[in-house]
C-alpha atoms as a PDB file:
ATOM      1  CA  MET A   1     -20.002 -25.962  46.319  1.00  0.00           C
ATOM      2  CA  ARG A   2     -22.105 -27.254  43.447  1.00  0.00           C
ATOM      3  CA  LEU A   3     -25.207 -25.590  44.914  1.00  0.00           C
ATOM      4  CA  LEU A   4     -23.364 -22.275  45.106  1.00  0.00           C
ATOM      5  CA  ILE A   5     -22.283 -22.509  41.466  1.00  0.00           C
ATOM      6  CA  GLU A   6     -25.809 -23.397  40.332  1.00  0.00           C
ATOM      7  CA  GLY A   7     -27.176 -20.395  42.226  1.00  0.00           C
ATOM      8  CA  LEU A   8     -24.615 -18.097  40.614  1.00  0.00           C
ATOM      9  CA  ARG A   9     -25.393 -19.542  37.189  1.00  0.00           C
ATOM     10  CA  ALA A  10     -29.130 -18.885  37.680  1.00  0.00           C
ATOM     11  CA  GLU A  11     -28.391 -15.336  38.819  1.00  0.00           C
ATOM     12  CA  TRP A  12     -26.165 -14.836  35.770  1.00  0.00           C
ATOM     13  CA  ARG A  13     -28.937 -15.999  33.430  1.00  0.00           C
ATOM     14  CA  SER A  14     -31.410 -13.693  35.153  1.00  0.00           C
ATOM     15  CA  LEU A  15     -29.072 -10.727  34.706  1.00  0.00           C
ATOM     16  CA  ASP A  16     -28.548 -11.614  31.035  1.00  0.00           C
ATOM     17  CA  GLY A  17     -32.318 -11.568  30.565  1.00  0.00           C
ATOM     18  CA  ARG A  18     -32.623  -8.166  32.234  1.00  0.00           C
ATOM     19  CA  ILE A  19     -29.801  -6.767  30.091  1.00  0.00           C
ATOM     20  CA  ALA A  20     -31.509  -8.055  26.941  1.00  0.00           C
ATOM     21  CA  ALA A  21     -34.760  -6.390  28.041  1.00  0.00           C
ATOM     22  CA  PHE A  22     -32.962  -3.077  28.588  1.00  0.00           C
ATOM     23  CA  ASP A  23     -31.305  -3.378  25.172  1.00  0.00           C
ATOM     24  CA  LYS A  24     -34.727  -3.842  23.557  1.00  0.00           C
ATOM     25  CA  GLU A  25     -35.996  -0.801  25.437  1.00  0.00           C
ATOM     26  CA  PHE A  26     -33.057   1.293  24.189  1.00  0.00           C
ATOM     27  CA  VAL A  27     -33.747   0.220  20.611  1.00  0.00           C
ATOM     28  CA  ALA A  28     -37.441   1.101  20.992  1.00  0.00           C
ATOM     29  CA  MET A  29     -36.569   4.515  22.443  1.00  0.00           C
ATOM     30  CA  ALA A  30     -34.117   5.178  19.617  1.00  0.00           C
ATOM     31  CA  ARG A  31     -36.740   4.274  17.009  1.00  0.00           C
ATOM     32  CA  GLU A  32     -39.253   6.701  18.521  1.00  0.00           C
ATOM     33  CA  ASN A  33     -36.851   9.647  18.817  1.00  0.00           C
ATOM     34  CA  GLU A  34     -35.955  11.428  15.564  1.00  0.00           C
ATOM     35  CA  ALA A  35     -32.713  12.875  16.954  1.00  0.00           C
ATOM     36  CA  ALA A  36     -31.564   9.448  18.170  1.00  0.00           C
ATOM     37  CA  ARG A  37     -32.352   7.922  14.764  1.00  0.00           C
ATOM     38  CA  ARG A  38     -30.214  10.559  13.021  1.00  0.00           C
ATOM     39  CA  LEU A  39     -27.388  10.190  15.540  1.00  0.00           C
ATOM     40  CA  ALA A  40     -27.304   6.417  15.066  1.00  0.00           C
ATOM     41  CA  THR A  41     -26.346   6.936  11.406  1.00  0.00           C
ATOM     42  CA  VAL A  42     -22.980   8.438  12.430  1.00  0.00           C
ATOM     43  CA  PRO A  43     -20.205   5.800  12.440  1.00  0.00           C
ATOM     44  CA  GLY A  44     -19.364   4.735  15.989  1.00  0.00           C
ATOM     45  CA  ILE A  45     -22.646   6.039  17.383  1.00  0.00           C
ATOM     46  CA  GLY A  46     -24.988   3.138  17.998  1.00  0.00           C
ATOM     47  CA  VAL A  47     -28.296   2.948  19.793  1.00  0.00           C
ATOM     48  CA  ILE A  48     -26.808   3.280  23.282  1.00  0.00           C
ATOM     49  CA  ASN A  49     -24.612   6.253  22.355  1.00  0.00           C
ATOM     50  CA  ALA A  50     -27.453   7.927  20.484  1.00  0.00           C
ATOM     51  CA  THR A  51     -29.894   7.652  23.376  1.00  0.00           C
ATOM     52  CA  ALA A  52     -27.202   8.743  25.856  1.00  0.00           C
ATOM     53  CA  LEU A  53     -26.385  11.787  23.707  1.00  0.00           C
ATOM     54  CA  VAL A  54     -30.046  12.743  23.433  1.00  0.00           C
ATOM     55  CA  ALA A  55     -30.510  12.348  27.191  1.00  0.00           C
ATOM     56  CA  ALA A  56     -27.349  14.248  28.174  1.00  0.00           C
ATOM     57  CA  VAL A  57     -27.169  16.939  25.511  1.00  0.00           C
ATOM     58  CA  GLY A  58     -30.773  17.410  24.476  1.00  0.00           C
ATOM     59  CA  ASP A  59     -30.667  20.090  21.794  1.00  0.00           C
ATOM     60  CA  ALA A  60     -27.177  20.182  20.271  1.00  0.00           C
ATOM     61  CA  ARG A  61     -27.875  23.666  18.901  1.00  0.00           C
ATOM     62  CA  SER A  62     -27.055  24.978  22.371  1.00  0.00           C
ATOM     63  CA  PHE A  63     -23.416  24.474  21.367  1.00  0.00           C
ATOM     64  CA  GLY A  64     -22.093  27.068  18.954  1.00  0.00           C
ATOM     65  CA  ARG A  65     -19.976  24.572  17.030  1.00  0.00           C
ATOM     66  CA  GLY A  66     -19.015  20.922  17.149  1.00  0.00           C
ATOM     67  CA  ARG A  67     -15.760  21.582  18.968  1.00  0.00           C
ATOM     68  CA  ASP A  68     -17.747  23.051  21.862  1.00  0.00           C
ATOM     69  CA  LEU A  69     -19.563  19.729  22.287  1.00  0.00           C
ATOM     70  CA  ALA A  70     -16.258  17.833  22.179  1.00  0.00           C
ATOM     71  CA  ALA A  71     -14.833  20.212  24.806  1.00  0.00           C
ATOM     72  CA  TRP A  72     -17.960  19.851  26.952  1.00  0.00           C
ATOM     73  CA  LEU A  73     -17.487  16.076  26.862  1.00  0.00           C
ATOM     74  CA  GLY A  74     -13.818  16.419  27.857  1.00  0.00           C
ATOM     75  CA  LEU A  75     -12.447  15.043  24.583  1.00  0.00           C
ATOM     76  CA  THR A  76     -10.219  18.015  23.728  1.00  0.00           C
ATOM     77  CA  PRO A  77      -6.623  18.511  24.910  1.00  0.00           C
ATOM     78  CA  ARG A  78      -6.119  20.332  28.185  1.00  0.00           C
ATOM     79  CA  GLN A  79      -3.950  23.388  27.769  1.00  0.00           C
ATOM     80  CA  ALA A  80      -1.442  24.600  30.348  1.00  0.00           C
ATOM     81  CA  THR A  81       0.200  27.896  29.497  1.00  0.00           C
ATOM     82  CA  THR A  82       3.264  29.066  31.355  1.00  0.00           C
ATOM     83  CA  GLY A  83       5.605  31.830  30.342  1.00  0.00           C
ATOM     84  CA  GLY A  84       3.493  32.474  27.269  1.00  0.00           C
ATOM     85  CA  LYS A  85       4.208  28.984  25.927  1.00  0.00           C
ATOM     86  CA  PRO A  86       1.124  26.795  25.513  1.00  0.00           C
ATOM     87  CA  ARG A  87       1.481  23.094  26.308  1.00  0.00           C
ATOM     88  CA  LEU A  88      -1.177  20.612  25.269  1.00  0.00           C
ATOM     89  CA  LEU A  89      -1.605  17.857  27.821  1.00  0.00           C
ATOM     90  CA  GLY A  90      -3.968  14.856  27.753  1.00  0.00           C
ATOM     91  CA  ILE A  91      -7.701  15.235  27.354  1.00  0.00           C
ATOM     92  CA  SER A  92      -9.407  17.448  29.916  1.00  0.00           C
ATOM     93  CA  LYS A  93     -11.814  14.691  31.117  1.00  0.00           C
ATOM     94  CA  ARG A  94     -14.479  17.231  31.993  1.00  0.00           C
ATOM     95  CA  GLY A  95     -18.132  16.610  31.361  1.00  0.00           C
ATOM     96  CA  ASN A  96     -20.145  13.422  31.249  1.00  0.00           C
ATOM     97  CA  ARG A  97     -17.760  10.552  32.019  1.00  0.00           C
ATOM     98  CA  TYR A  98     -20.195   7.842  30.849  1.00  0.00           C
ATOM     99  CA  LEU A  99     -20.844   9.523  27.517  1.00  0.00           C
ATOM    100  CA  ARG A 100     -17.148  10.230  26.937  1.00  0.00           C
ATOM    101  CA  ALA A 101     -16.246   6.591  27.641  1.00  0.00           C
ATOM    102  CA  ASN A 102     -19.003   5.327  25.335  1.00  0.00           C
ATOM    103  CA  LEU A 103     -17.879   7.605  22.498  1.00  0.00           C
ATOM    104  CA  ILE A 104     -14.313   6.346  22.915  1.00  0.00           C
ATOM    105  CA  HIS A 105     -15.548   2.730  22.835  1.00  0.00           C
ATOM    106  CA  GLY A 106     -17.562   3.488  19.705  1.00  0.00           C
ATOM    107  CA  ALA A 107     -14.537   5.103  18.060  1.00  0.00           C
ATOM    108  CA  ARG A 108     -12.385   2.094  18.937  1.00  0.00           C
ATOM    109  CA  ALA A 109     -14.973  -0.254  17.421  1.00  0.00           C
ATOM    110  CA  VAL A 110     -15.337   1.688  14.175  1.00  0.00           C
ATOM    111  CA  LEU A 111     -11.624   2.500  13.708  1.00  0.00           C
ATOM    112  CA  PRO A 112     -10.746  -0.512  11.477  1.00  0.00           C
ATOM    113  CA  ARG A 113     -13.733   0.147   9.210  1.00  0.00           C
ATOM    114  CA  ILE A 114     -12.898   3.840   8.847  1.00  0.00           C
ATOM    115  CA  MET A 115      -9.224   3.051   8.154  1.00  0.00           C
ATOM    116  CA  ALA A 116     -10.248   0.800   5.258  1.00  0.00           C
ATOM    117  CA  GLN A 117     -12.339   3.536   3.612  1.00  0.00           C
ATOM    118  CA  ASP A 118     -10.891   5.897   1.031  1.00  0.00           C
ATOM    119  CA  THR A 119     -12.603   8.974   2.445  1.00  0.00           C
ATOM    120  CA  SER A 120     -11.228  12.137   3.975  1.00  0.00           C
ATOM    121  CA  LEU A 121     -11.906  10.683   7.431  1.00  0.00           C
ATOM    122  CA  GLY A 122     -10.126   7.439   6.521  1.00  0.00           C
ATOM    123  CA  ARG A 123      -7.101   9.317   5.173  1.00  0.00           C
ATOM    124  CA  TRP A 124      -7.034  11.491   8.297  1.00  0.00           C
ATOM    125  CA  VAL A 125      -7.093   8.422  10.577  1.00  0.00           C
ATOM    126  CA  ARG A 126      -4.370   6.638   8.599  1.00  0.00           C
ATOM    127  CA  GLY A 127      -2.159   9.731   8.674  1.00  0.00           C
ATOM    128  CA  LEU A 128      -2.688  10.137  12.396  1.00  0.00           C
ATOM    129  CA  LEU A 129      -1.855   6.464  13.007  1.00  0.00           C
ATOM    130  CA  GLU A 130       1.490   6.916  11.255  1.00  0.00           C
ATOM    131  CA  ARG A 131       2.605   9.490  13.807  1.00  0.00           C
ATOM    132  CA  SER A 132       0.617   8.696  16.985  1.00  0.00           C
ATOM    133  CA  HIS A 133      -0.213   5.787  19.264  1.00  0.00           C
ATOM    134  CA  LYS A 134      -3.437   3.909  18.535  1.00  0.00           C
ATOM    135  CA  ASN A 135      -5.078   5.016  21.802  1.00  0.00           C
ATOM    136  CA  VAL A 136      -4.389   8.664  20.971  1.00  0.00           C
ATOM    137  CA  VAL A 137      -5.943   8.122  17.549  1.00  0.00           C
ATOM    138  CA  VAL A 138      -9.027   6.514  19.117  1.00  0.00           C
ATOM    139  CA  VAL A 139      -9.603   9.513  21.401  1.00  0.00           C
ATOM    140  CA  ALA A 140      -8.998  11.922  18.502  1.00  0.00           C
ATOM    141  CA  LEU A 141     -11.538   9.985  16.418  1.00  0.00           C
ATOM    142  CA  ALA A 142     -14.033  10.122  19.304  1.00  0.00           C
ATOM    143  CA  ALA A 143     -13.556  13.904  19.452  1.00  0.00           C
ATOM    144  CA  LYS A 144     -14.077  14.152  15.700  1.00  0.00           C
ATOM    145  CA  LEU A 145     -17.230  12.021  15.909  1.00  0.00           C
ATOM    146  CA  ALA A 146     -18.504  14.304  18.680  1.00  0.00           C
ATOM    147  CA  ARG A 147     -17.909  17.268  16.361  1.00  0.00           C
ATOM    148  CA  ILE A 148     -19.807  15.504  13.569  1.00  0.00           C
ATOM    149  CA  VAL A 149     -22.763  14.930  15.890  1.00  0.00           C
END
């Protein structure tokens, strides 16, 4: 049993080393790419999100407006219209699942910092938190960050 645990521990350390090497590579790629450097300045968009956005989207000018990027990522409400009455459901979940999940994680991480700021974004988040669940606010913030990008 002890031998098995030691083997697993060595494998764990090896994987940690590989992950650290990949993280360094992401940082180096982000430093070399002008678009990734600019994206990393947006709150909630770190090195991993910036490089993923550059890889998946490429030139963001292909989207007419920011909302189109958010819709492409599946961060906008899905609409079901019946009898002429529109109903907004959950997010559409279309597009790049990995990128959408990373943007939501970034929004969740930056939410407390944005709430503490006295900016238009901070006031918007605080107002939304008063009337919506925190998870809904996180996804809405991720959609807004995608529009900012």
